[in-house]
Amino acid sequence: MLHTREIVQKLWDAQGYGNLAVWDDGTTAVIAPGESPQKGGKAPLAIFKPIPLVAGFSMLDFALHDPGLLEHIETTIREAGGEIEQD
């Protein structure tokens, strides 16, 4: 099961390093823009671009509690067929 705030934390940490790929087993990886990674032959559920999502927040805590950001991440994962919950 994926957890929304864990993904927000990883997005925050990935700023300036690349995009964040998220697989249905909960694993993530920072990848280069345009890269199409696979793990065990499976493509990620989603690839998030950290800077547009979290760079506007002055502190991580604000991003972790922003309802719009949390909803965007959850909707993206669910629409891709994954399961996610807020932690």
C-alpha atoms as a PDB file:
ATOM      1  CA  MET A   1       0.000   0.000   0.000  1.00  0.00           C
ATOM      2  CA  LEU A   2       1.279   3.437  -0.908  1.00  0.00           C
ATOM      3  CA  HIS A   3       1.161   6.307   1.573  1.00  0.00           C
ATOM      4  CA  THR A   4       0.519   9.850   0.401  1.00  0.00           C
ATOM      5  CA  ARG A   5       2.742  11.721   2.835  1.00  0.00           C
ATOM      6  CA  GLU A   6       5.672   9.369   2.189  1.00  0.00           C
ATOM      7  CA  ILE A   7       5.409  10.280  -1.481  1.00  0.00           C
ATOM      8  CA  VAL A   8       5.302  14.007  -0.614  1.00  0.00           C
ATOM      9  CA  GLN A   9       8.470  13.564   1.484  1.00  0.00           C
ATOM     10  CA  LYS A  10      10.198  11.796  -1.408  1.00  0.00           C
ATOM     11  CA  LEU A  11       9.049  14.488  -3.837  1.00  0.00           C
ATOM     12  CA  TRP A  12      10.509  17.122  -1.527  1.00  0.00           C
ATOM     13  CA  ASP A  13      13.828  15.262  -1.385  1.00  0.00           C
ATOM     14  CA  ALA A  14      13.910  14.718  -5.165  1.00  0.00           C
ATOM     15  CA  GLN A  15      13.684  18.435  -6.043  1.00  0.00           C
ATOM     16  CA  GLY A  16      16.538  19.345  -8.332  1.00  0.00           C
ATOM     17  CA  TYR A  17      17.595  15.709  -8.841  1.00  0.00           C
ATOM     18  CA  GLY A  18      14.943  14.418 -11.238  1.00  0.00           C
ATOM     19  CA  ASN A  19      11.425  13.042 -11.363  1.00  0.00           C
ATOM     20  CA  LEU A  20       9.971  10.516  -8.925  1.00  0.00           C
ATOM     21  CA  ALA A  21       8.752   7.182 -10.275  1.00  0.00           C
ATOM     22  CA  VAL A  22       6.306   5.293  -8.019  1.00  0.00           C
ATOM     23  CA  TRP A  23       5.516   1.581  -8.354  1.00  0.00           C
ATOM     24  CA  ASP A  24       2.502  -0.257  -6.931  1.00  0.00           C
ATOM     25  CA  ASP A  25       4.658  -2.140  -4.395  1.00  0.00           C
ATOM     26  CA  GLY A  26       5.609   1.169  -2.760  1.00  0.00           C
ATOM     27  CA  THR A  27       9.089   1.478  -4.210  1.00  0.00           C
ATOM     28  CA  THR A  28      10.200   4.763  -5.680  1.00  0.00           C
ATOM     29  CA  ALA A  29      13.178   5.974  -7.663  1.00  0.00           C
ATOM     30  CA  VAL A  30      14.471   9.360  -8.716  1.00  0.00           C
ATOM     31  CA  ILE A  31      14.832   9.248 -12.482  1.00  0.00           C
ATOM     32  CA  ALA A  32      16.070  11.569 -15.189  1.00  0.00           C
ATOM     33  CA  PRO A  33      13.386  13.551 -17.051  1.00  0.00           C
ATOM     34  CA  GLY A  34      12.129  11.554 -20.014  1.00  0.00           C
ATOM     35  CA  GLU A  35      13.384   8.243 -18.629  1.00  0.00           C
ATOM     36  CA  SER A  36      10.974   5.258 -18.756  1.00  0.00           C
ATOM     37  CA  PRO A  37      12.103   2.974 -15.950  1.00  0.00           C
ATOM     38  CA  GLN A  38      10.937  -0.545 -15.192  1.00  0.00           C
ATOM     39  CA  LYS A  39      11.331  -2.763 -12.141  1.00  0.00           C
ATOM     40  CA  GLY A  40      10.807  -6.461 -12.630  1.00  0.00           C
ATOM     41  CA  GLY A  41       9.412  -5.716 -16.074  1.00  0.00           C
ATOM     42  CA  LYS A  42       6.760  -3.370 -14.666  1.00  0.00           C
ATOM     43  CA  ALA A  43       6.415   0.293 -15.489  1.00  0.00           C
ATOM     44  CA  PRO A  44       5.703   2.672 -12.594  1.00  0.00           C
ATOM     45  CA  LEU A  45       2.138   3.647 -11.723  1.00  0.00           C
ATOM     46  CA  ALA A  46       3.103   7.289 -11.942  1.00  0.00           C
ATOM     47  CA  ILE A  47       6.010   9.611 -12.548  1.00  0.00           C
ATOM     48  CA  PHE A  48       5.751  12.866 -10.620  1.00  0.00           C
ATOM     49  CA  LYS A  49       7.660  16.078 -11.352  1.00  0.00           C
ATOM     50  CA  PRO A  50       8.719  17.380  -7.918  1.00  0.00           C
ATOM     51  CA  ILE A  51       9.394  21.032  -8.676  1.00  0.00           C
ATOM     52  CA  PRO A  52       5.903  21.917  -9.970  1.00  0.00           C
ATOM     53  CA  LEU A  53       4.320  20.006  -7.089  1.00  0.00           C
ATOM     54  CA  VAL A  54       6.307  21.015  -4.007  1.00  0.00           C
ATOM     55  CA  ALA A  55       8.732  23.845  -4.804  1.00  0.00           C
ATOM     56  CA  GLY A  56       6.078  26.452  -4.040  1.00  0.00           C
ATOM     57  CA  PHE A  57       5.965  25.433  -0.387  1.00  0.00           C
ATOM     58  CA  SER A  58       8.393  27.206   1.914  1.00  0.00           C
ATOM     59  CA  MET A  59       8.516  24.242   4.300  1.00  0.00           C
ATOM     60  CA  LEU A  60       8.011  20.504   3.926  1.00  0.00           C
ATOM     61  CA  ASP A  61       5.364  20.575   6.670  1.00  0.00           C
ATOM     62  CA  PHE A  62       3.174  22.844   4.537  1.00  0.00           C
ATOM     63  CA  ALA A  63       3.391  20.405   1.615  1.00  0.00           C
ATOM     64  CA  LEU A  64       2.632  17.422   3.871  1.00  0.00           C
ATOM     65  CA  HIS A  65      -0.624  19.021   4.982  1.00  0.00           C
ATOM     66  CA  ASP A  66      -1.816  20.654   1.762  1.00  0.00           C
ATOM     67  CA  PRO A  67      -5.177  19.065   0.853  1.00  0.00           C
ATOM     68  CA  GLY A  68      -4.859  19.891  -2.855  1.00  0.00           C
ATOM     69  CA  LEU A  69      -1.422  18.297  -3.177  1.00  0.00           C
ATOM     70  CA  LEU A  70      -2.459  15.188  -1.243  1.00  0.00           C
ATOM     71  CA  GLU A  71      -5.589  14.805  -3.359  1.00  0.00           C
ATOM     72  CA  HIS A  72      -3.623  15.224  -6.607  1.00  0.00           C
ATOM     73  CA  ILE A  73      -1.202  12.452  -5.643  1.00  0.00           C
ATOM     74  CA  GLU A  74      -3.967  10.118  -4.472  1.00  0.00           C
ATOM     75  CA  THR A  75      -6.065  10.686  -7.587  1.00  0.00           C
ATOM     76  CA  THR A  76      -3.079  10.072  -9.877  1.00  0.00           C
ATOM     77  CA  ILE A  77      -2.211   6.783  -8.138  1.00  0.00           C
ATOM     78  CA  ARG A  78      -5.824   5.560  -8.009  1.00  0.00           C
ATOM     79  CA  GLU A  79      -6.459   6.410 -11.663  1.00  0.00           C
ATOM     80  CA  ALA A  80      -3.403   4.317 -12.523  1.00  0.00           C
ATOM     81  CA  GLY A  81      -4.901   1.346 -10.660  1.00  0.00           C
ATOM     82  CA  GLY A  82      -2.921   1.660  -7.423  1.00  0.00           C
ATOM     83  CA  GLU A  83      -3.988   1.750  -3.812  1.00  0.00           C
ATOM     84  CA  ILE A  84      -2.981   4.643  -1.586  1.00  0.00           C
ATOM     85  CA  GLU A  85      -3.897   6.010   1.812  1.00  0.00           C
ATOM     86  CA  GLN A  86      -2.993   9.080   3.824  1.00  0.00           C
ATOM     87  CA  ASP A  87      -0.639   8.225   6.651  1.00  0.00           C
END
